[in-house]
Protein backbone atom coordinates (compact mmCIF):
# COMPACT_ATOMS: atom_id res chain seq x y z
CA MET A 1 74.71 -47.32 -227.27
CA THR A 2 75.45 -50.45 -225.24
CA VAL A 3 73.46 -53.65 -225.64
CA ARG A 4 71.92 -53.11 -222.21
CA GLU A 5 70.84 -49.60 -223.23
CA ARG A 6 69.31 -50.95 -226.43
CA ALA A 7 67.34 -53.50 -224.40
CA LYS A 8 66.25 -50.88 -221.88
CA ALA A 9 64.94 -48.73 -224.75
CA ILE A 10 62.43 -51.45 -225.73
CA GLU A 11 61.61 -52.57 -222.17
CA ASP A 12 57.97 -51.51 -222.46
CA LYS A 13 57.56 -53.70 -225.54
CA ILE A 14 59.15 -56.69 -223.83
CA ILE A 15 56.80 -56.31 -220.86
CA ALA A 16 53.80 -55.90 -223.17
CA TRP A 17 54.68 -59.16 -224.95
CA ARG A 18 54.99 -60.93 -221.60
CA ARG A 19 51.60 -59.69 -220.43
CA GLU A 20 49.85 -60.62 -223.66
CA VAL A 21 51.19 -64.18 -223.49
CA HIS A 22 50.39 -64.35 -219.77
CA ARG A 23 46.72 -63.47 -220.39
CA HIS A 24 46.31 -66.34 -222.87
CA PRO A 25 48.08 -69.44 -221.51
CA GLU A 26 48.09 -72.60 -223.61
CA LEU A 27 48.96 -76.14 -222.56
CA MET A 28 51.57 -78.57 -223.80
CA LEU A 29 51.77 -78.68 -227.60
CA ASP A 30 48.61 -76.62 -228.22
CA THR A 31 50.30 -73.21 -228.32
CA VAL A 32 48.40 -71.96 -231.37
CA LYS A 33 47.74 -68.36 -230.28
CA THR A 34 51.18 -67.90 -228.75
CA ALA A 35 52.84 -69.20 -231.90
CA ALA A 36 50.76 -66.82 -234.01
CA LEU A 37 51.81 -63.86 -231.84
CA VAL A 38 55.47 -64.88 -232.12
CA SER A 39 55.31 -65.40 -235.89
CA SER A 40 53.64 -62.04 -236.43
CA ALA A 41 56.19 -60.22 -234.28
CA LEU A 42 59.15 -61.87 -236.03
CA ARG A 43 57.79 -61.03 -239.47
CA GLU A 44 57.36 -57.40 -238.45
CA MET A 45 61.07 -57.42 -237.62
CA GLY A 46 61.95 -58.72 -241.08
CA ILE A 47 63.01 -62.13 -239.80
CA GLU A 48 62.45 -65.28 -241.87
CA VAL A 49 59.80 -67.43 -240.20
CA ARG A 50 58.99 -71.13 -240.35
CA GLU A 51 55.77 -72.13 -238.58
CA GLY A 52 54.35 -75.49 -237.54
CA VAL A 53 57.71 -76.96 -236.56
CA GLY A 54 57.15 -80.07 -234.48
CA GLY A 55 53.47 -79.10 -234.25
CA ASN A 56 53.12 -75.49 -233.14
CA GLY A 57 56.78 -74.53 -232.85
CA VAL A 58 58.17 -71.43 -234.57
CA VAL A 59 61.69 -70.93 -235.91
CA GLY A 60 62.96 -67.52 -236.96
CA LEU A 61 66.17 -66.98 -238.92
CA LEU A 62 68.05 -63.69 -238.97
CA ARG A 63 71.01 -63.32 -241.33
CA GLY A 64 73.65 -60.80 -240.38
CA GLU A 65 74.51 -58.36 -243.16
CA ALA A 66 77.98 -57.13 -242.18
CA PRO A 67 80.45 -57.49 -245.10
CA SER A 68 82.43 -60.72 -245.25
CA THR A 69 85.29 -61.90 -247.41
CA PRO A 70 84.88 -64.74 -249.95
CA GLY A 71 85.29 -68.12 -248.31
CA GLU A 72 85.01 -66.69 -244.80
CA ALA A 73 83.56 -69.12 -242.29
CA ILE A 74 80.08 -68.18 -241.08
CA ARG A 75 78.68 -69.12 -237.70
CA THR A 76 75.11 -69.77 -236.64
CA ILE A 77 73.87 -69.50 -233.07
CA ALA A 78 70.43 -70.53 -231.80
CA LEU A 79 68.40 -69.02 -228.97
CA ARG A 80 65.53 -71.01 -227.46
CA ALA A 81 62.40 -70.16 -225.45
CA ASP A 82 59.51 -72.42 -224.39
CA MET A 83 55.91 -71.25 -224.80
CA ASP A 84 53.55 -73.57 -222.89
CA ALA A 85 51.75 -72.95 -219.59
CA LEU A 86 50.50 -75.20 -216.76
CA PRO A 87 47.12 -76.55 -215.56
CA VAL A 88 47.19 -74.24 -212.52
CA LYS A 89 44.47 -71.87 -211.32
CA GLU A 90 46.11 -68.45 -211.04
CA GLU A 91 46.02 -66.66 -207.67
CA THR A 92 48.28 -63.66 -208.38
CA GLY A 93 45.57 -61.00 -208.66
CA LEU A 94 47.53 -59.35 -211.46
CA PRO A 95 45.58 -57.01 -213.77
CA PHE A 96 46.79 -59.13 -216.69
CA ALA A 97 46.11 -62.49 -215.02
CA SER A 98 45.13 -65.54 -217.03
CA GLU A 99 41.83 -65.24 -218.86
CA ILE A 100 41.63 -69.02 -219.30
CA PRO A 101 40.11 -70.79 -216.25
CA GLY A 102 42.42 -73.37 -214.73
CA LEU A 103 45.45 -72.45 -216.85
CA MET A 104 48.38 -70.25 -215.90
CA HIS A 105 51.91 -69.31 -216.87
CA ALA A 106 53.20 -70.51 -213.51
CA CYS A 107 56.71 -71.38 -214.68
CA GLY A 108 57.75 -68.19 -216.46
CA HIS A 109 57.54 -69.31 -220.08
CA ASP A 110 55.66 -66.10 -220.85
CA ALA A 111 58.77 -64.23 -219.72
CA HIS A 112 60.98 -66.50 -221.84
CA VAL A 113 58.95 -65.69 -224.96
CA ALA A 114 59.10 -61.97 -224.22
CA MET A 115 62.85 -61.95 -223.56
CA LEU A 116 63.58 -63.83 -226.77
CA LEU A 117 61.33 -61.54 -228.82
CA GLY A 118 63.19 -58.63 -227.26
CA ALA A 119 66.50 -60.14 -228.32
CA ALA A 120 65.14 -60.72 -231.83
CA LYS A 121 64.06 -57.08 -232.07
CA ILE A 122 67.45 -55.75 -230.99
CA LEU A 123 69.41 -58.08 -233.25
CA SER A 124 67.16 -57.37 -236.23
CA ASP A 125 67.90 -53.66 -235.79
CA MET A 126 71.63 -54.47 -235.61
CA ARG A 127 71.81 -56.91 -238.52
CA LYS A 128 74.21 -54.71 -240.50
CA GLU A 129 76.67 -54.83 -237.59
CA PHE A 130 77.38 -58.57 -237.50
CA ARG A 131 78.11 -61.54 -239.74
CA GLY A 132 76.55 -64.95 -239.29
CA ASN A 133 73.07 -66.22 -238.47
CA VAL A 134 70.83 -66.22 -235.42
CA LYS A 135 68.07 -68.79 -235.07
CA PHE A 136 65.17 -68.09 -232.73
CA ILE A 137 63.51 -71.30 -231.53
CA PHE A 138 60.11 -70.89 -229.86
CA GLN A 139 59.09 -74.28 -228.54
CA PRO A 140 55.81 -75.73 -227.25
CA GLY A 141 55.44 -78.66 -224.89
CA GLU A 142 58.29 -78.27 -222.41
CA GLU A 143 56.04 -79.20 -219.48
CA GLY A 144 56.12 -82.93 -220.06
CA ALA A 145 55.40 -83.29 -223.77
CA GLY A 146 59.00 -83.19 -224.98
CA GLY A 147 58.44 -80.43 -227.50
CA ALA A 148 62.19 -80.00 -227.96
CA ARG A 149 62.54 -83.54 -229.27
CA LEU A 150 59.64 -83.02 -231.69
CA MET A 151 61.12 -79.80 -233.02
CA ILE A 152 64.53 -81.41 -233.48
CA GLU A 153 62.93 -84.29 -235.38
CA ASP A 154 61.23 -81.71 -237.60
CA GLY A 155 64.52 -80.04 -238.48
CA CYS A 156 64.74 -76.99 -236.22
CA LEU A 157 68.50 -77.55 -235.94
CA GLU A 158 69.05 -77.76 -239.69
CA ASP A 159 69.29 -75.34 -242.65
CA PRO A 160 71.53 -73.92 -241.28
CA ARG A 161 72.71 -76.07 -238.40
CA PRO A 162 73.61 -73.99 -235.34
CA ASP A 163 77.14 -74.18 -233.99
CA ALA A 164 75.80 -73.44 -230.51
CA ILE A 165 72.55 -72.92 -228.64
CA ILE A 166 71.59 -70.83 -225.59
CA GLY A 167 68.52 -70.91 -223.37
CA ALA A 168 67.53 -69.26 -220.11
CA HIS A 169 65.01 -69.75 -217.31
CA VAL A 170 63.50 -67.28 -214.86
CA GLY A 171 62.50 -67.98 -211.29
CA SER A 172 64.13 -69.12 -208.08
CA LEU A 173 65.07 -72.77 -208.65
CA TRP A 174 68.80 -72.06 -208.93
CA ASN A 175 69.34 -69.70 -205.97
CA VAL A 176 70.04 -66.71 -208.20
CA GLY A 177 69.19 -63.26 -206.85
CA ASN A 178 67.15 -60.52 -208.47
CA GLY A 179 68.76 -59.23 -211.63
CA GLN A 180 71.59 -61.75 -211.45
CA ALA A 181 72.58 -64.34 -214.06
CA GLY A 182 73.54 -67.82 -212.86
CA PHE A 183 75.77 -70.22 -214.77
CA ARG A 184 77.06 -73.73 -214.14
CA PRO A 185 79.25 -75.74 -216.53
CA GLY A 186 78.42 -79.43 -216.72
CA PRO A 187 75.30 -80.98 -215.14
CA LEU A 188 72.68 -78.42 -214.12
CA MET A 189 69.33 -80.24 -214.14
CA ALA A 190 68.34 -83.87 -213.76
CA ALA A 191 66.78 -86.55 -215.90
CA SER A 192 63.07 -86.98 -215.17
CA ASP A 193 61.93 -90.60 -215.53
CA ARG A 194 58.78 -92.17 -214.14
CA PHE A 195 57.68 -95.66 -213.16
CA GLU A 196 54.61 -97.66 -212.20
CA ILE A 197 54.49 -100.79 -210.04
CA PHE A 198 51.43 -103.03 -210.16
CA ILE A 199 51.12 -105.51 -207.28
CA GLN A 200 48.83 -108.51 -207.54
CA GLY A 201 47.82 -109.90 -204.17
CA LYS A 202 44.82 -111.83 -202.92
CA GLY A 203 41.88 -109.94 -201.47
CA GLY A 204 39.82 -110.88 -198.47
CA HIS A 205 38.26 -109.74 -195.21
CA GLY A 206 40.21 -107.27 -193.13
CA ALA A 207 39.53 -109.41 -190.05
CA ALA A 208 41.16 -112.48 -191.63
CA PRO A 209 44.48 -111.29 -193.11
CA HIS A 210 45.99 -114.81 -192.90
CA ALA A 211 43.63 -115.91 -195.68
CA SER A 212 44.79 -113.09 -197.98
CA VAL A 213 47.93 -111.69 -199.55
CA ASP A 214 47.79 -108.01 -198.67
CA PRO A 215 49.14 -105.89 -201.58
CA VAL A 216 49.12 -102.76 -199.41
CA VAL A 217 51.60 -104.32 -196.97
CA VAL A 218 53.67 -105.59 -199.89
CA GLY A 219 53.67 -102.14 -201.42
CA SER A 220 54.74 -100.58 -198.13
CA HIS A 221 57.77 -102.86 -197.97
CA ILE A 222 58.61 -102.05 -201.59
CA VAL A 223 58.49 -98.30 -200.92
CA THR A 224 60.88 -98.71 -198.00
CA ALA A 225 63.22 -100.97 -199.97
CA LEU A 226 63.33 -98.60 -202.94
CA GLN A 227 64.97 -95.99 -200.72
CA THR A 228 68.06 -98.19 -200.49
CA ILE A 229 68.76 -97.62 -204.20
CA VAL A 230 70.01 -94.10 -203.54
CA SER A 231 71.33 -94.71 -200.02
CA ARG A 232 73.10 -98.03 -200.64
CA ALA A 233 73.41 -98.77 -204.38
CA ILE A 234 74.59 -95.41 -205.78
CA SER A 235 77.73 -93.51 -204.82
CA PRO A 236 77.04 -90.78 -202.25
CA THR A 237 78.76 -88.33 -204.63
CA GLU A 238 76.18 -88.93 -207.37
CA PRO A 239 72.90 -86.97 -207.04
CA ALA A 240 69.84 -89.19 -207.45
CA VAL A 241 66.24 -89.38 -206.26
CA VAL A 242 63.68 -92.21 -206.22
CA THR A 243 60.27 -90.97 -205.05
CA VAL A 244 56.95 -92.83 -204.84
CA GLY A 245 54.28 -90.17 -205.20
CA VAL A 246 51.12 -92.26 -205.67
CA ILE A 247 49.77 -95.35 -203.89
CA GLN A 248 46.31 -96.51 -204.96
CA ALA A 249 44.54 -99.47 -203.36
CA GLY A 250 41.36 -100.52 -201.63
CA THR A 251 37.76 -99.38 -201.34
CA ALA A 252 36.83 -99.91 -197.67
CA ASN A 253 38.45 -100.01 -194.23
CA ASN A 254 37.63 -103.67 -193.64
CA ILE A 255 38.54 -105.11 -197.03
CA ILE A 256 41.98 -106.30 -198.11
CA PRO A 257 42.17 -105.44 -201.82
CA ASP A 258 43.40 -107.65 -204.61
CA THR A 259 45.78 -105.10 -206.09
CA CYS A 260 47.87 -102.04 -205.34
CA THR A 261 49.33 -99.58 -207.85
CA MET A 262 52.26 -97.26 -207.14
CA LYS A 263 53.68 -94.46 -209.28
CA GLY A 264 56.87 -92.51 -208.85
CA THR A 265 59.64 -90.42 -210.34
CA VAL A 266 63.38 -90.95 -210.74
CA ARG A 267 65.96 -88.15 -211.04
CA TYR A 268 69.71 -88.36 -211.71
CA MET A 269 72.50 -86.26 -213.22
CA LYS A 270 74.45 -88.94 -215.14
CA ARG A 271 72.59 -90.56 -218.00
CA ASP A 272 74.09 -94.03 -217.47
CA LEU A 273 72.40 -94.19 -214.06
CA GLY A 274 68.97 -94.46 -215.69
CA PRO A 275 69.18 -98.08 -216.89
CA TYR A 276 70.80 -99.12 -213.61
CA ILE A 277 68.06 -97.55 -211.47
CA LYS A 278 65.40 -99.12 -213.69
CA LYS A 279 67.05 -102.53 -213.15
CA ARG A 280 67.18 -102.09 -209.38
CA ILE A 281 63.56 -100.91 -209.11
CA THR A 282 62.46 -104.00 -211.04
CA GLU A 283 64.61 -106.38 -208.98
CA ILE A 284 63.47 -104.92 -205.67
CA ALA A 285 59.77 -104.72 -206.51
CA CYS A 286 59.56 -108.20 -207.97
CA GLY A 287 61.81 -109.72 -205.31
CA VAL A 288 59.97 -108.22 -202.33
CA ALA A 289 56.61 -109.15 -203.82
CA ALA A 290 57.67 -112.73 -204.46
CA ALA A 291 59.03 -113.06 -200.92
CA MET A 292 55.61 -111.99 -199.62
CA ARG A 293 53.60 -114.34 -201.89
CA ALA A 294 52.53 -111.61 -204.32
CA GLU A 295 53.48 -110.65 -207.86
CA ALA A 296 54.77 -107.29 -209.10
CA LYS A 297 55.02 -105.83 -212.59
CA VAL A 298 57.18 -102.74 -213.23
CA THR A 299 56.72 -100.30 -216.12
CA TYR A 300 59.53 -97.76 -216.52
CA HIS A 301 59.44 -94.70 -218.77
CA PHE A 302 62.63 -92.80 -219.62
CA GLY A 303 61.88 -89.07 -219.74
CA TYR A 304 64.01 -86.00 -220.34
CA PRO A 305 67.75 -86.68 -220.16
CA PRO A 306 70.03 -84.80 -217.77
CA LEU A 307 70.73 -81.21 -218.82
CA VAL A 308 74.50 -80.87 -219.22
CA ASN A 309 76.02 -77.52 -220.18
CA ASP A 310 79.05 -77.33 -222.44
CA GLU A 311 81.88 -76.00 -220.29
CA ASP A 312 83.51 -73.72 -222.89
CA LEU A 313 80.20 -72.28 -224.14
CA THR A 314 79.02 -71.68 -220.58
CA ASN A 315 82.16 -69.74 -219.76
CA ARG A 316 81.82 -67.70 -222.97
CA VAL A 317 78.20 -66.76 -222.28
CA ARG A 318 79.08 -66.05 -218.65
CA ALA A 319 81.66 -63.51 -219.88
CA SER A 320 79.04 -61.96 -222.17
CA ALA A 321 76.59 -61.69 -219.26
CA ALA A 322 79.22 -59.90 -217.18
CA LYS A 323 79.37 -57.18 -219.87
CA VAL A 324 75.64 -56.62 -219.32
CA VAL A 325 75.13 -56.95 -215.54
CA GLY A 326 78.67 -56.62 -214.18
CA GLU A 327 80.92 -59.37 -212.86
CA GLU A 328 79.44 -58.97 -209.37
CA ASN A 329 76.02 -60.04 -210.68
CA VAL A 330 77.20 -63.16 -212.46
CA VAL A 331 76.99 -66.07 -210.02
CA THR A 332 77.17 -69.84 -209.92
CA ALA A 333 73.74 -71.42 -210.39
CA GLY A 334 72.75 -74.17 -207.99
CA MET A 335 72.02 -77.64 -209.33
CA THR A 336 68.41 -78.77 -209.23
CA MET A 337 66.76 -82.16 -209.62
CA GLY A 338 64.05 -80.59 -211.76
CA GLY A 339 63.97 -81.60 -215.43
CA GLU A 340 64.08 -79.53 -218.63
CA ASP A 341 63.81 -80.64 -222.25
CA MET A 342 66.43 -78.06 -223.26
CA ALA A 343 68.58 -81.13 -222.53
CA TYR A 344 67.66 -82.60 -225.95
CA TYR A 345 69.24 -79.65 -227.78
CA LEU A 346 72.38 -79.87 -225.65
CA GLU A 347 72.78 -83.52 -226.63
CA LYS A 348 72.94 -82.46 -230.29
CA ILE A 349 75.09 -79.32 -230.26
CA PRO A 350 77.24 -77.41 -227.74
CA GLY A 351 75.21 -75.02 -225.64
CA THR A 352 74.33 -73.64 -222.26
CA PHE A 353 71.23 -73.03 -220.16
CA PHE A 354 71.44 -70.31 -217.54
CA ALA A 355 69.21 -68.79 -214.85
CA ILE A 356 67.94 -65.23 -214.48
CA GLY A 357 66.85 -64.20 -211.00
CA THR A 358 63.38 -62.65 -211.18
CA GLY A 359 62.23 -62.95 -207.57
CA ASN A 360 61.77 -59.79 -205.51
CA GLU A 361 60.52 -60.08 -201.93
CA ALA A 362 60.10 -56.30 -201.64
CA LYS A 363 57.47 -56.53 -204.39
CA GLY A 364 55.89 -59.70 -202.98
CA ILE A 365 57.37 -61.78 -205.81
CA MET A 366 58.65 -64.68 -203.76
CA TYR A 367 56.68 -67.78 -204.76
CA PRO A 368 58.43 -70.71 -206.50
CA ASN A 369 57.91 -71.86 -210.05
CA HIS A 370 54.65 -73.84 -210.52
CA HIS A 371 52.96 -72.05 -207.58
CA PRO A 372 49.52 -70.44 -208.19
CA LYS A 373 51.00 -67.10 -207.05
CA PHE A 374 54.21 -67.34 -209.09
CA ASP A 375 55.22 -64.09 -210.73
CA VAL A 376 58.35 -62.46 -212.15
CA ASP A 377 59.87 -59.03 -211.58
CA GLU A 378 59.26 -57.47 -214.99
CA ASP A 379 62.01 -54.91 -214.35
CA VAL A 380 64.51 -57.73 -214.94
CA LEU A 381 63.21 -59.00 -218.29
CA TYR A 382 65.14 -56.57 -220.50
CA ILE A 383 68.34 -57.85 -218.88
CA GLY A 384 67.58 -61.34 -220.20
CA SER A 385 67.14 -59.94 -223.71
CA ALA A 386 70.42 -58.02 -223.40
CA ILE A 387 72.38 -61.10 -222.30
CA PHE A 388 71.03 -63.05 -225.28
CA VAL A 389 72.07 -60.28 -227.66
CA GLN A 390 75.54 -59.77 -226.15
CA ALA A 391 76.18 -63.52 -226.24
CA CYS A 392 75.21 -63.67 -229.91
CA LEU A 393 77.38 -60.71 -230.90
CA ASP A 394 80.36 -62.10 -228.99
CA PHE A 395 79.93 -65.60 -230.41
CA LEU A 396 79.48 -64.50 -234.01
CA GLY A 397 82.36 -62.05 -233.82
CA GLU A 398 85.08 -64.10 -232.13
CA GLU A 399 87.55 -66.68 -233.36
CA GLY A 400 87.35 -70.02 -231.61
CA PRO A 401 86.60 -73.74 -231.76
CA TYR A 402 83.06 -73.29 -233.09
CA LEU A 403 84.09 -71.50 -236.29
CA ARG A 404 83.71 -73.78 -239.29
CA LYS A 405 83.86 -73.53 -243.06
């Protein structure tokens, strides 16, 4: 029986897991019920379970039982799925829609949990057929809380330390078609920093602007000037974004306010661009404000780092995926300026993050991630489980640069 056939045989179970998680979305780090479901399922499979990792994270460990010779090097590979939902009111009309008002699995993390549980089930049934270890990392807090970093700090990559790690994401962000797997060596997703600019002006009557220092006008000039960071201070070959998404000032149409606050996001693919962009935002905001008789204060927060896939690992997993879906359904994933805290794992050990196309216009599944009507084609989920399993079997069974004593 092929790996794909094994995954197809448990497809109903994978879909049932997805629907159960979808009904009960949980935010950020508070994935208590989801973690309990995952822990229970892993224990039923005979997999060692550690709970409460980095808060509500779960780590499963499966030890292959195929015979090995004394002194033979043993590999460990990790598979990761995120578990948290979003503060979105669901509008899908699905029979298993969210039962929690105002919360929804609008990014596909319910599918990630189900696919990884499916992989765990298949591998647990095959444990006598491979040597080495598989770690299953179920992580809370991807949507802004940095759950990956918390789990790493709590030892999810230790005892044993993985030689490689793999993750996947469903949806349409990477221009990957239904049932296809998309891979890209090197940078795939951007850093996601944020900043705030506080402008101190001098309030007054809207009919007498000469007696005031208008922070709204100052802020407008700063917004315009910030656009020159990407267009004139960074190489055109380097992807970067500086966006001001919030401007807050004033209480009435005829009053010039004292202050103006602006908030924005910064995205880039090379980590060393972060400090440079922070420096330029500060110089521009403070310089423009000073030139217009105001004062500006900049607060900059470094967020998730860029997600950079290991080239060799990506090519290996790509080859494994081709065994499952055929070479014609393995494509190059598009880069996106969205952020992902899978990046923290990839800074620690070689790994890859790939995309699984789960959109299907014929079924009305065509809304983007984070949309109130976002959904996934459940007929594709077993393929994700199969790719995970094939990648693990290939990695644990092959010679190569990741084998260590």
